[in-house]
């Protein structure tokens, strides 16, 4: 086994600005939008699914969660497969799987069939999540890449915000299967465009073989055990996070799945340190730039996931809006992200502020927005609107910068794995935000409940115990106070996380080098990445 040539990580760059690069970006963003929409679009169809398919509460939970559970468990494996077998090829396969599974979901006649189809969509979604970002890294040079990643990130924000709105609109005119049929034309158009326009690349050669001869001389074995361990670990952790709000954080289901997931991730890390050609080179975690980007990425996702969880409850349970009205009132956050990134403002600020400065600015704005919603939005939407716009500006600055920093800290030959790391961080951070801020909300709410509702674990349960208007008002005030406290807690966590990430990245920039890593094929790649 010969070490990876250091120039392999520096010469795998787009050879020039292809005329179709922005058209390719539009195509992969369309595919990415379909993947993100399916994370939230099904929530509004729960009554229809219960009635038409005879689904139980447990069935509905699995219909919703099978998609995200399979997708999050496969992100690292999908990214590794894209690097090994070709990003264009895996992108095309992902589109086919996503389209076929969407058709199966639309035609499902039982809860089991729909759950299986959603799991199949998760497999396709994992391939799309990793390959779309890897292709962005492939076709854009260093100058244009921040703007391209900003647009790619904006599509994620648009998908999360638009899911309930699109789902509600379709259900007003069609049956629940239409939520999945709309994916078919997207998959077909994107597939044709990918085949015609996207250049092939992989860590084994393809588009730029001369840059990769040092990366793979004669072939490397696939890390099958690493792939299995990563799937067990991520699926266990994500399942615990998903189950926590439903069954309780100390329930047997949550504790067992969390223990399995954490044990799987721990064994995965130990195995990756031992295998000569790991799926995820753990030596990257000795790269200060990588650690700073990873820590900041988790906290941005923490703030986004937790805030969305709180805002939905705030709008519906405190301010009294219905699901669709609540979705419309959360839209300014996504609109702000889109406007800032599609105009290229974030990309133009990056050279002036630098990566640490962008991260501090973005996460400070995200924290300020959360605090503004807590302090100004308790009784009316007007105060919340200001906070949503400020949050959107923070996300627009911080999230693309984090993604760019993570991808830049990983050798370009491992772009698929880098995209898998980025996607995994987003899943983990969002779940962690829901878990932690939800726990803060519940703790504060229970502590402030009036005596008549003492011991109730939710707002509906507490309201059911009240007898007078004064008691109901006291319960609602306790819930609103709990949301406000948890939003302030989230703001503090995001702000401090931004400072930590910026300090780590600033130190990496000042030193200009990272600690030496072992002279293994994987270690050589990490060393070359840190030296860039």
Protein backbone atom coordinates (compact mmCIF):
# COMPACT_ATOMS: atom_id res chain seq x y z
CA UNK A 1 0.00 0.00 0.00
CA UNK A 2 1.59 3.24 -1.05
CA UNK A 3 0.63 6.54 0.54
CA UNK A 4 -1.64 8.85 -1.33
CA UNK A 5 0.27 11.41 -3.28
CA UNK A 6 -0.24 14.80 -1.74
CA UNK A 7 -0.93 16.44 -5.10
CA UNK A 8 -3.93 14.16 -5.54
CA UNK A 9 -5.85 16.34 -3.18
CA UNK A 10 -4.84 19.58 -4.81
CA UNK A 11 -5.18 18.79 -8.51
CA UNK A 12 -8.69 17.34 -8.40
CA UNK A 13 -10.27 20.66 -9.30
CA UNK A 14 -12.65 21.70 -12.05
CA UNK A 15 -10.42 22.11 -15.13
CA UNK A 16 -12.41 25.15 -16.25
CA UNK A 17 -15.74 26.88 -16.04
CA UNK A 18 -18.08 24.79 -18.15
CA UNK A 19 -20.83 26.70 -19.90
CA UNK A 20 -23.50 24.45 -18.44
CA UNK A 21 -22.39 24.61 -14.79
CA UNK A 22 -25.29 26.82 -13.62
CA UNK A 23 -27.79 24.70 -15.55
CA UNK A 24 -26.34 21.61 -13.86
CA UNK A 25 -26.72 23.36 -10.50
CA UNK A 26 -30.38 24.08 -11.27
CA UNK A 27 -30.95 20.42 -12.10
CA UNK A 28 -29.33 19.03 -8.96
CA UNK A 29 -31.10 21.65 -6.83
CA UNK A 30 -34.41 20.46 -8.29
CA UNK A 31 -33.54 16.90 -7.27
CA UNK A 32 -32.41 18.11 -3.84
CA UNK A 33 -35.65 20.03 -3.35
CA UNK A 34 -37.71 16.87 -3.91
CA UNK A 35 -35.64 15.04 -1.28
CA UNK A 36 -36.04 17.80 1.31
CA UNK A 37 -39.76 18.27 0.65
CA UNK A 38 -40.42 14.64 1.50
CA UNK A 39 -39.06 15.19 5.00
CA UNK A 40 -42.07 17.35 5.90
CA UNK A 41 -44.74 17.02 3.21
CA UNK A 42 -46.38 13.93 4.72
CA UNK A 43 -47.18 15.57 8.06
CA UNK A 44 -50.30 17.28 6.72
CA UNK A 45 -51.66 13.98 5.31
CA UNK A 46 -51.92 12.15 8.63
CA UNK A 47 -55.75 12.35 8.85
CA UNK A 48 -56.12 11.09 5.26
CA UNK A 49 -53.70 8.21 5.81
CA UNK A 50 -55.48 7.18 8.98
CA UNK A 51 -58.84 7.12 7.21
CA UNK A 52 -57.92 5.66 3.80
CA UNK A 53 -55.36 3.04 4.86
CA UNK A 54 -56.67 2.29 8.33
CA UNK A 55 -53.30 3.29 9.76
CA UNK A 56 -52.71 3.21 13.51
CA UNK A 57 -50.72 5.88 15.35
CA UNK A 58 -47.67 3.61 15.27
CA UNK A 59 -48.14 3.06 11.51
CA UNK A 60 -48.28 6.79 10.88
CA UNK A 61 -45.10 7.36 12.89
CA UNK A 62 -43.27 4.76 10.82
CA UNK A 63 -44.65 6.20 7.56
CA UNK A 64 -43.15 9.55 8.49
CA UNK A 65 -39.94 8.34 10.12
CA UNK A 66 -38.92 5.46 7.82
CA UNK A 67 -37.76 8.01 5.24
CA UNK A 68 -35.51 10.06 7.51
CA UNK A 69 -34.30 7.03 9.45
CA UNK A 70 -33.07 5.14 6.37
CA UNK A 71 -31.71 8.29 4.77
CA UNK A 72 -29.65 9.36 7.79
CA UNK A 73 -28.32 5.85 8.33
CA UNK A 74 -27.04 5.61 4.75
CA UNK A 75 -25.51 9.06 4.22
CA UNK A 76 -21.88 8.11 4.88
CA UNK A 77 -22.21 4.86 2.95
CA UNK A 78 -23.87 6.64 0.02
CA UNK A 79 -21.13 9.25 -0.06
CA UNK A 80 -18.45 6.56 -0.03
CA UNK A 81 -20.20 4.72 -2.87
CA UNK A 82 -20.34 7.92 -4.91
CA UNK A 83 -16.60 8.47 -4.46
CA UNK A 84 -15.77 4.88 -5.43
CA UNK A 85 -18.18 4.20 -8.29
CA UNK A 86 -18.81 7.64 -9.74
CA UNK A 87 -20.86 10.62 -8.55
CA UNK A 88 -22.81 10.96 -11.79
CA UNK A 89 -23.63 7.25 -11.74
CA UNK A 90 -24.80 7.32 -8.12
CA UNK A 91 -26.78 10.51 -8.74
CA UNK A 92 -28.59 8.81 -11.62
CA UNK A 93 -29.22 5.66 -9.55
CA UNK A 94 -30.50 7.80 -6.67
CA UNK A 95 -32.98 9.53 -8.99
CA UNK A 96 -34.23 6.21 -10.34
CA UNK A 97 -34.65 4.73 -6.86
CA UNK A 98 -36.35 7.87 -5.58
CA UNK A 99 -38.75 7.99 -8.52
CA UNK A 100 -39.66 4.29 -8.43
CA UNK A 101 -40.15 4.35 -4.65
CA UNK A 102 -42.30 7.50 -4.96
CA UNK A 103 -44.53 5.69 -7.46
CA UNK A 104 -44.77 2.76 -5.07
CA UNK A 105 -45.74 5.11 -2.24
CA UNK A 106 -48.46 6.74 -4.34
CA UNK A 107 -49.95 3.36 -5.23
CA UNK A 108 -49.64 1.82 -1.75
CA UNK A 109 -52.74 -0.04 -0.54
CA UNK A 110 -51.68 -0.73 3.05
CA UNK A 111 -49.60 0.91 5.79
CA UNK A 112 -46.87 -1.71 5.35
CA UNK A 113 -46.55 -0.99 1.64
CA UNK A 114 -46.30 2.74 2.25
CA UNK A 115 -43.68 2.27 4.98
CA UNK A 116 -41.60 0.07 2.66
CA UNK A 117 -41.89 2.61 -0.16
CA UNK A 118 -40.86 5.44 2.16
CA UNK A 119 -37.80 3.42 3.19
CA UNK A 120 -36.94 2.97 -0.49
CA UNK A 121 -37.28 6.71 -0.99
CA UNK A 122 -34.83 7.13 1.90
CA UNK A 123 -32.23 5.04 0.05
CA UNK A 124 -32.59 7.21 -3.05
CA UNK A 125 -32.62 10.33 -0.91
CA UNK A 126 -29.32 9.42 0.77
CA UNK A 127 -27.66 9.03 -2.64
CA UNK A 128 -29.07 12.36 -3.81
CA UNK A 129 -28.14 14.26 -0.64
CA UNK A 130 -24.49 13.26 -0.96
CA UNK A 131 -24.01 13.34 -4.73
CA UNK A 132 -25.64 16.73 -5.31
CA UNK A 133 -23.18 18.51 -3.00
CA UNK A 134 -20.26 16.45 -4.31
CA UNK A 135 -21.15 17.49 -7.88
CA UNK A 136 -21.22 21.14 -6.80
CA UNK A 137 -17.66 20.70 -5.50
CA UNK A 138 -16.71 19.08 -8.80
CA UNK A 139 -18.04 21.60 -11.33
CA UNK A 140 -17.39 24.94 -9.57
CA UNK A 141 -13.98 26.43 -8.92
CA UNK A 142 -12.86 28.04 -5.66
CA UNK A 143 -14.13 31.48 -6.66
CA UNK A 144 -17.68 30.46 -7.58
CA UNK A 145 -18.11 27.58 -5.14
CA UNK A 146 -19.31 29.66 -2.12
CA UNK A 147 -22.18 31.13 -4.16
CA UNK A 148 -23.09 27.71 -5.58
CA UNK A 149 -23.12 26.12 -2.13
CA UNK A 150 -25.18 29.05 -0.88
CA UNK A 151 -27.82 28.36 -3.52
CA UNK A 152 -27.72 24.64 -2.71
CA UNK A 153 -28.22 25.44 0.99
CA UNK A 154 -31.09 27.80 0.20
CA UNK A 155 -32.91 24.95 -1.52
CA UNK A 156 -32.73 23.02 1.76
CA UNK A 157 -34.36 25.90 3.64
CA UNK A 158 -36.99 26.28 0.91
CA UNK A 159 -37.82 22.57 1.08
CA UNK A 160 -38.38 22.53 4.82
CA UNK A 161 -40.57 25.63 4.70
CA UNK A 162 -42.54 24.68 1.58
CA UNK A 163 -43.28 21.05 2.48
CA UNK A 164 -46.41 21.63 4.58
CA UNK A 165 -47.67 24.33 2.20
CA UNK A 166 -47.31 22.18 -0.91
CA UNK A 167 -48.75 19.18 0.89
CA UNK A 168 -51.76 21.13 2.08
CA UNK A 169 -52.41 22.58 -1.37
CA UNK A 170 -52.28 19.15 -3.04
CA UNK A 171 -54.58 17.61 -0.45
CA UNK A 172 -57.13 20.36 -1.06
CA UNK A 173 -57.51 19.15 -4.66
CA UNK A 174 -56.26 15.55 -4.85
CA UNK A 175 -55.81 12.41 -2.77
CA UNK A 176 -52.80 11.75 -0.53
CA UNK A 177 -50.95 9.79 -3.24
CA UNK A 178 -50.45 13.04 -5.15
CA UNK A 179 -47.84 14.00 -2.55
CA UNK A 180 -45.59 11.35 -4.04
CA UNK A 181 -46.64 11.48 -7.71
CA UNK A 182 -45.25 15.01 -8.01
CA UNK A 183 -41.79 13.51 -7.52
CA UNK A 184 -42.02 11.54 -10.77
CA UNK A 185 -41.68 14.39 -13.31
CA UNK A 186 -38.93 15.90 -11.16
CA UNK A 187 -37.03 12.60 -11.13
CA UNK A 188 -37.46 12.06 -14.89
CA UNK A 189 -36.39 15.58 -15.88
CA UNK A 190 -33.46 15.54 -13.48
CA UNK A 191 -32.34 12.10 -14.68
CA UNK A 192 -32.33 13.14 -18.34
CA UNK A 193 -30.41 16.31 -17.50
CA UNK A 194 -27.89 14.44 -15.34
CA UNK A 195 -27.17 11.91 -18.09
CA UNK A 196 -26.75 14.68 -20.67
CA UNK A 197 -24.92 17.35 -18.69
CA UNK A 198 -23.14 16.17 -15.54
CA UNK A 199 -19.52 15.04 -16.01
CA UNK A 200 -18.44 11.84 -14.28
CA UNK A 201 -15.86 11.79 -11.52
CA UNK A 202 -14.78 9.46 -8.72
CA UNK A 203 -11.82 8.73 -6.50
CA UNK A 204 -10.94 5.94 -8.93
CA UNK A 205 -10.60 8.15 -11.99
CA UNK A 206 -13.16 9.10 -14.61
CA UNK A 207 -13.27 12.76 -15.54
CA UNK A 208 -9.80 13.57 -14.16
CA UNK A 209 -7.82 10.31 -14.12
CA UNK A 210 -4.43 12.01 -14.25
CA UNK A 211 -5.12 13.61 -10.88
CA UNK A 212 -6.14 10.37 -9.26
CA UNK A 213 -3.40 7.90 -10.15
CA UNK A 214 -1.94 8.41 -6.70
CA UNK A 215 -5.28 7.94 -5.01
CA UNK A 216 -5.95 4.43 -6.24
CA UNK A 217 -3.18 2.27 -7.65
CA UNK A 218 -4.66 -1.08 -8.52
CA UNK A 219 -7.79 -0.84 -6.39
CA UNK A 220 -8.74 -0.67 -2.70
CA UNK A 221 -11.11 -2.90 -0.76
CA UNK A 222 -14.47 -1.48 0.20
CA UNK A 223 -14.96 -0.89 3.92
CA UNK A 224 -18.05 -3.09 4.31
CA UNK A 225 -17.84 -3.40 8.09
CA UNK A 226 -17.43 0.35 8.43
CA UNK A 227 -20.52 0.88 6.28
CA UNK A 228 -22.54 -1.54 8.44
CA UNK A 229 -21.38 0.04 11.70
CA UNK A 230 -22.13 3.56 10.47
CA UNK A 231 -25.65 2.51 9.48
CA UNK A 232 -26.30 0.84 12.85
CA UNK A 233 -24.89 3.80 14.76
CA UNK A 234 -26.71 6.55 12.91
CA UNK A 235 -30.00 4.65 12.69
CA UNK A 236 -29.92 3.93 16.42
CA UNK A 237 -29.21 7.53 17.41
CA UNK A 238 -31.74 9.01 14.99
CA UNK A 239 -34.42 6.52 16.06
CA UNK A 240 -33.86 7.51 19.70
CA UNK A 241 -34.19 11.18 18.80
CA UNK A 242 -37.35 10.52 16.78
CA UNK A 243 -38.92 8.39 19.53
CA UNK A 244 -38.04 10.66 22.45
CA UNK A 245 -40.85 13.23 22.08
CA UNK A 246 -43.39 10.42 21.58
CA UNK A 247 -42.50 7.81 24.22
CA UNK A 248 -40.45 9.92 26.64
CA UNK A 249 -36.69 10.40 26.80
CA UNK A 250 -36.27 7.83 29.58
CA UNK A 251 -38.41 5.15 27.96
CA UNK A 252 -36.90 1.75 27.22
CA UNK A 253 -37.21 2.25 23.45
CA UNK A 254 -35.24 5.48 23.54
CA UNK A 255 -32.55 4.28 25.95
CA UNK A 256 -31.98 0.99 24.15
CA UNK A 257 -31.86 2.49 20.67
CA UNK A 258 -29.59 5.30 21.89
CA UNK A 259 -27.26 2.80 23.54
CA UNK A 260 -27.10 0.68 20.38
CA UNK A 261 -26.52 3.75 18.24
CA UNK A 262 -23.76 5.21 20.42
CA UNK A 263 -22.07 1.83 20.76
CA UNK A 264 -22.24 1.39 16.99
CA UNK A 265 -20.68 4.80 16.39
CA UNK A 266 -17.95 4.15 18.96
CA UNK A 267 -17.03 0.81 17.37
CA UNK A 268 -17.22 2.49 13.95
CA UNK A 269 -14.67 5.11 15.05
CA UNK A 270 -12.31 2.46 16.45
CA UNK A 271 -12.62 0.35 13.31
CA UNK A 272 -11.98 3.32 11.01
CA UNK A 273 -8.75 4.02 12.90
CA UNK A 274 -7.54 0.46 12.22
CA UNK A 275 -8.54 -0.23 8.63
CA UNK A 276 -5.96 0.89 5.98
CA UNK A 277 -8.58 2.41 3.64
CA UNK A 278 -11.42 3.63 5.88
CA UNK A 279 -14.78 4.88 4.71
CA UNK A 280 -14.36 7.97 6.92
CA UNK A 281 -10.77 8.85 7.76
CA UNK A 282 -10.85 9.65 11.49
CA UNK A 283 -7.58 11.54 11.11
CA UNK A 284 -9.67 14.37 9.69
CA UNK A 285 -10.65 15.06 13.29
CA UNK A 286 -7.08 16.17 13.93
CA UNK A 287 -7.58 18.91 11.37
CA UNK A 288 -8.51 22.13 13.21
CA UNK A 289 -10.34 23.52 10.22
CA UNK A 290 -12.44 20.36 9.99
CA UNK A 291 -13.19 20.32 13.74
CA UNK A 292 -14.19 23.98 13.70
CA UNK A 293 -16.49 23.49 10.73
CA UNK A 294 -18.00 20.32 12.22
CA UNK A 295 -18.71 21.92 15.61
CA UNK A 296 -20.24 24.98 14.01
CA UNK A 297 -22.29 22.86 11.60
CA UNK A 298 -23.82 20.88 14.44
CA UNK A 299 -24.74 24.07 16.31
CA UNK A 300 -26.29 25.73 13.23
CA UNK A 301 -28.40 22.62 12.66
CA UNK A 302 -29.13 22.51 16.40
CA UNK A 303 -30.50 26.05 16.26
CA UNK A 304 -32.47 25.42 13.07
CA UNK A 305 -33.98 22.08 14.13
CA UNK A 306 -34.80 23.20 17.64
CA UNK A 307 -36.20 26.56 16.56
CA UNK A 308 -38.47 25.00 13.91
CA UNK A 309 -39.77 22.58 16.54
CA UNK A 310 -40.47 25.44 18.96
CA UNK A 311 -41.84 27.85 16.36
CA UNK A 312 -44.39 25.33 15.11
CA UNK A 313 -45.73 24.85 18.63
CA UNK A 314 -45.53 28.59 19.37
CA UNK A 315 -47.62 29.50 16.33
CA UNK A 316 -50.20 26.74 16.73
CA UNK A 317 -50.52 26.21 20.49
CA UNK A 318 -49.79 29.72 21.77
CA UNK A 319 -50.91 32.07 18.99
CA UNK A 320 -53.68 29.75 17.75
CA UNK A 321 -52.87 29.40 14.03
CA UNK A 322 -53.76 26.28 12.02
CA UNK A 323 -51.06 24.12 10.38
CA UNK A 324 -51.15 25.85 6.98
CA UNK A 325 -51.35 29.34 8.49
CA UNK A 326 -48.43 28.48 10.76
CA UNK A 327 -46.43 27.29 7.75
CA UNK A 328 -47.11 30.52 5.88
CA UNK A 329 -46.00 32.59 8.85
CA UNK A 330 -42.70 30.71 9.07
CA UNK A 331 -41.98 31.36 5.38
CA UNK A 332 -40.15 34.71 5.92
CA UNK A 333 -37.22 32.76 7.38
CA UNK A 334 -36.80 30.70 4.20
CA UNK A 335 -37.47 33.71 1.94
CA UNK A 336 -34.69 35.66 3.67
CA UNK A 337 -32.24 32.78 3.23
CA UNK A 338 -33.14 32.48 -0.46
CA UNK A 339 -32.85 36.22 -1.18
CA UNK A 340 -29.44 36.53 0.48
CA UNK A 341 -27.91 33.46 -1.15
CA UNK A 342 -29.48 33.73 -4.61
CA UNK A 343 -28.27 37.33 -4.89
CA UNK A 344 -24.77 36.17 -3.96
CA UNK A 345 -24.53 38.50 -0.94
CA UNK A 346 -23.21 35.75 1.31
CA UNK A 347 -20.59 34.73 -1.26
CA UNK A 348 -19.43 38.34 -1.68
CA UNK A 349 -19.05 38.79 2.07
CA UNK A 350 -16.94 35.65 2.52
CA UNK A 351 -13.66 37.09 1.09
CA UNK A 352 -14.07 40.21 3.25
CA UNK A 353 -15.02 38.59 6.55
CA UNK A 354 -13.27 35.25 6.13
CA UNK A 355 -14.70 31.92 7.23
CA UNK A 356 -14.42 32.63 11.00
CA UNK A 357 -15.98 36.06 10.60
CA UNK A 358 -18.86 34.70 8.54
CA UNK A 359 -19.53 31.99 11.10
CA UNK A 360 -19.50 34.41 14.05
CA UNK A 361 -21.73 36.87 12.19
CA UNK A 362 -24.17 34.23 10.98
CA UNK A 363 -24.51 32.38 14.27
CA UNK A 364 -24.77 35.65 16.21
CA UNK A 365 -27.66 36.69 13.96
CA UNK A 366 -29.28 33.27 14.36
CA UNK A 367 -28.97 33.59 18.14
CA UNK A 368 -30.30 37.16 18.06
CA UNK A 369 -33.30 36.04 16.02
CA UNK A 370 -34.13 33.29 18.50
CA UNK A 371 -33.81 35.76 21.38
CA UNK A 372 -36.00 38.31 19.57
CA UNK A 373 -38.74 35.73 19.05
CA UNK A 374 -38.56 34.79 22.71
CA UNK A 375 -38.74 38.39 23.95
CA UNK A 376 -40.95 40.04 21.32
CA UNK A 377 -43.08 37.27 19.83
CA UNK A 378 -44.78 35.89 22.91
CA UNK A 379 -48.16 37.52 22.27
CA UNK A 380 -48.22 38.49 18.59
CA UNK A 381 -46.82 37.56 15.22
CA UNK A 382 -45.39 41.04 14.63
CA UNK A 383 -42.58 40.53 17.10
CA UNK A 384 -41.91 37.04 15.79
CA UNK A 385 -41.59 38.31 12.21
CA UNK A 386 -38.56 40.42 13.10
CA UNK A 387 -36.90 37.42 14.72
CA UNK A 388 -37.62 35.19 11.71
CA UNK A 389 -35.98 37.64 9.30
CA UNK A 390 -32.91 37.99 11.52
CA UNK A 391 -32.70 34.21 11.86
CA UNK A 392 -32.91 33.85 8.09
CA UNK A 393 -30.01 36.25 7.63
CA UNK A 394 -27.96 34.27 10.12
CA UNK A 395 -28.69 30.94 8.46
CA UNK A 396 -27.87 32.40 5.03
CA UNK A 397 -24.44 33.49 6.26
CA UNK A 398 -23.52 30.55 8.46
CA UNK A 399 -24.87 27.40 6.80
CA UNK A 400 -23.19 27.68 3.34
CA UNK A 401 -19.96 28.78 5.02
CA UNK A 402 -20.03 25.71 7.26
CA UNK A 403 -20.70 23.39 4.33
CA UNK A 404 -17.91 24.98 2.30
CA UNK A 405 -15.49 24.74 5.25
CA UNK A 406 -16.28 21.05 5.81
CA UNK A 407 -15.95 20.18 2.13
CA UNK A 408 -12.74 22.22 1.77
CA UNK A 409 -11.16 20.42 4.74
CA UNK A 410 -11.66 17.02 3.08
CA UNK A 411 -9.66 15.93 0.01
CA UNK A 412 -11.66 16.51 -3.18
CA UNK A 413 -11.28 12.81 -4.01
CA UNK A 414 -13.47 12.19 -0.95
CA UNK A 415 -16.12 14.77 -1.87
CA UNK A 416 -18.92 12.23 -1.55
CA UNK A 417 -17.86 11.26 1.98
CA UNK A 418 -17.57 14.96 2.81
CA UNK A 419 -21.13 15.51 1.64
CA UNK A 420 -22.16 12.51 3.74
CA UNK A 421 -20.48 14.05 6.78
CA UNK A 422 -22.27 17.34 6.12
CA UNK A 423 -25.64 15.61 5.78
CA UNK A 424 -25.05 13.49 8.87
CA UNK A 425 -24.18 16.58 10.90
CA UNK A 426 -27.39 18.25 9.75
CA UNK A 427 -29.49 15.24 10.74
CA UNK A 428 -27.74 14.87 14.08
CA UNK A 429 -27.78 18.59 14.89
CA UNK A 430 -31.46 19.01 14.06
CA UNK A 431 -32.42 15.98 16.12
CA UNK A 432 -30.27 17.20 19.00
CA UNK A 433 -31.93 20.61 18.83
CA UNK A 434 -35.39 19.06 19.06
CA UNK A 435 -34.31 16.82 21.94
CA UNK A 436 -32.51 19.42 24.04
CA UNK A 437 -34.79 22.41 23.50
CA UNK A 438 -37.84 20.15 23.83
CA UNK A 439 -36.52 18.95 27.20
CA UNK A 440 -35.94 22.55 28.35
CA UNK A 441 -39.47 23.47 27.24
CA UNK A 442 -41.04 20.55 29.08
CA UNK A 443 -39.03 21.13 32.25
CA UNK A 444 -39.97 24.81 32.44
CA UNK A 445 -43.60 24.12 31.51
CA UNK A 446 -44.04 21.47 34.22
CA UNK A 447 -42.40 23.71 36.82
CA UNK A 448 -44.79 26.61 36.10
CA UNK A 449 -48.04 24.63 35.88
CA UNK A 450 -50.78 25.61 38.35
CA UNK A 451 -51.59 23.08 41.06
CA UNK A 452 -54.73 21.83 39.31
CA UNK A 453 -52.65 20.63 36.32
CA UNK A 454 -49.56 19.49 38.24
CA UNK A 455 -47.97 16.39 36.75
CA UNK A 456 -49.37 16.83 33.23
CA UNK A 457 -46.75 16.14 30.58
CA UNK A 458 -48.23 18.10 27.68
CA UNK A 459 -50.32 21.18 26.98
CA UNK A 460 -53.47 19.24 25.93
CA UNK A 461 -53.24 17.03 29.04
CA UNK A 462 -52.84 20.06 31.28
CA UNK A 463 -55.75 21.92 29.66
CA UNK A 464 -57.96 18.85 30.11
CA UNK A 465 -57.55 19.16 33.89
CA UNK A 466 -58.60 22.82 34.07
CA UNK A 467 -62.09 23.94 35.09
CA UNK A 468 -62.05 27.74 34.81
CA UNK A 469 -60.84 30.32 32.30
CA UNK A 470 -58.24 31.52 34.80
CA UNK A 471 -56.78 28.03 35.12
CA UNK A 472 -56.65 27.61 31.33
CA UNK A 473 -54.90 30.97 30.99
CA UNK A 474 -52.38 29.96 33.64
CA UNK A 475 -51.61 26.73 31.78
CA UNK A 476 -51.20 28.53 28.46
CA UNK A 477 -48.97 31.14 30.10
CA UNK A 478 -46.82 28.35 31.55
CA UNK A 479 -46.42 26.80 28.10
CA UNK A 480 -45.57 30.15 26.51
CA UNK A 481 -43.00 30.79 29.23
CA UNK A 482 -41.49 27.36 28.61
CA UNK A 483 -41.14 28.10 24.91
CA UNK A 484 -39.55 31.47 25.65
CA UNK A 485 -37.03 29.93 28.04
CA UNK A 486 -36.07 27.17 25.61
CA UNK A 487 -35.63 29.72 22.79
CA UNK A 488 -33.28 31.77 24.96
CA UNK A 489 -31.37 28.61 25.87
CA UNK A 490 -31.05 27.77 22.18
CA UNK A 491 -29.87 31.31 21.41
CA UNK A 492 -27.12 31.07 24.04
CA UNK A 493 -26.00 27.64 22.77
CA UNK A 494 -25.84 28.81 19.16
CA UNK A 495 -23.94 31.99 20.04
CA UNK A 496 -21.36 30.19 22.16
CA UNK A 497 -21.03 27.48 19.52
CA UNK A 498 -20.32 30.13 16.90
CA UNK A 499 -17.56 31.60 19.02
CA UNK A 500 -15.95 28.19 19.58
CA UNK A 501 -16.12 27.29 15.88
CA UNK A 502 -14.69 30.66 14.84
CA UNK A 503 -11.81 30.43 17.35
CA UNK A 504 -10.88 26.95 16.09
CA UNK A 505 -10.99 28.06 12.47
CA UNK A 506 -9.01 31.22 13.20
CA UNK A 507 -6.32 29.20 14.95
CA UNK A 508 -6.13 26.86 11.98
CA UNK A 509 -5.71 29.81 9.62
CA UNK A 510 -3.00 31.42 11.76
CA UNK A 511 -0.91 28.28 12.20
CA UNK A 512 -1.35 27.31 8.55
CA UNK A 513 -0.83 23.64 9.38
CA UNK A 514 -2.39 20.89 11.47
CA UNK A 515 -0.84 18.18 13.64
CA UNK A 516 0.91 15.45 11.71
CA UNK A 517 -1.05 12.28 11.07
CA UNK A 518 0.22 8.72 10.68
CA UNK A 519 1.84 7.79 7.38
CA UNK A 520 -1.01 5.58 6.17
CA UNK A 521 -2.91 6.03 2.91
CA UNK A 522 -5.79 7.59 4.85
CA UNK A 523 -3.47 9.69 6.99
CA UNK A 524 -1.68 11.07 3.96
CA UNK A 525 -4.99 12.31 2.55
CA UNK A 526 -5.84 14.04 5.83
CA UNK A 527 -2.39 15.63 6.03
CA UNK A 528 -2.69 16.94 2.50
CA UNK A 529 -6.14 18.33 3.23
CA UNK A 530 -4.91 20.15 6.29
CA UNK A 531 -1.97 21.63 4.42
CA UNK A 532 -4.07 23.21 1.70
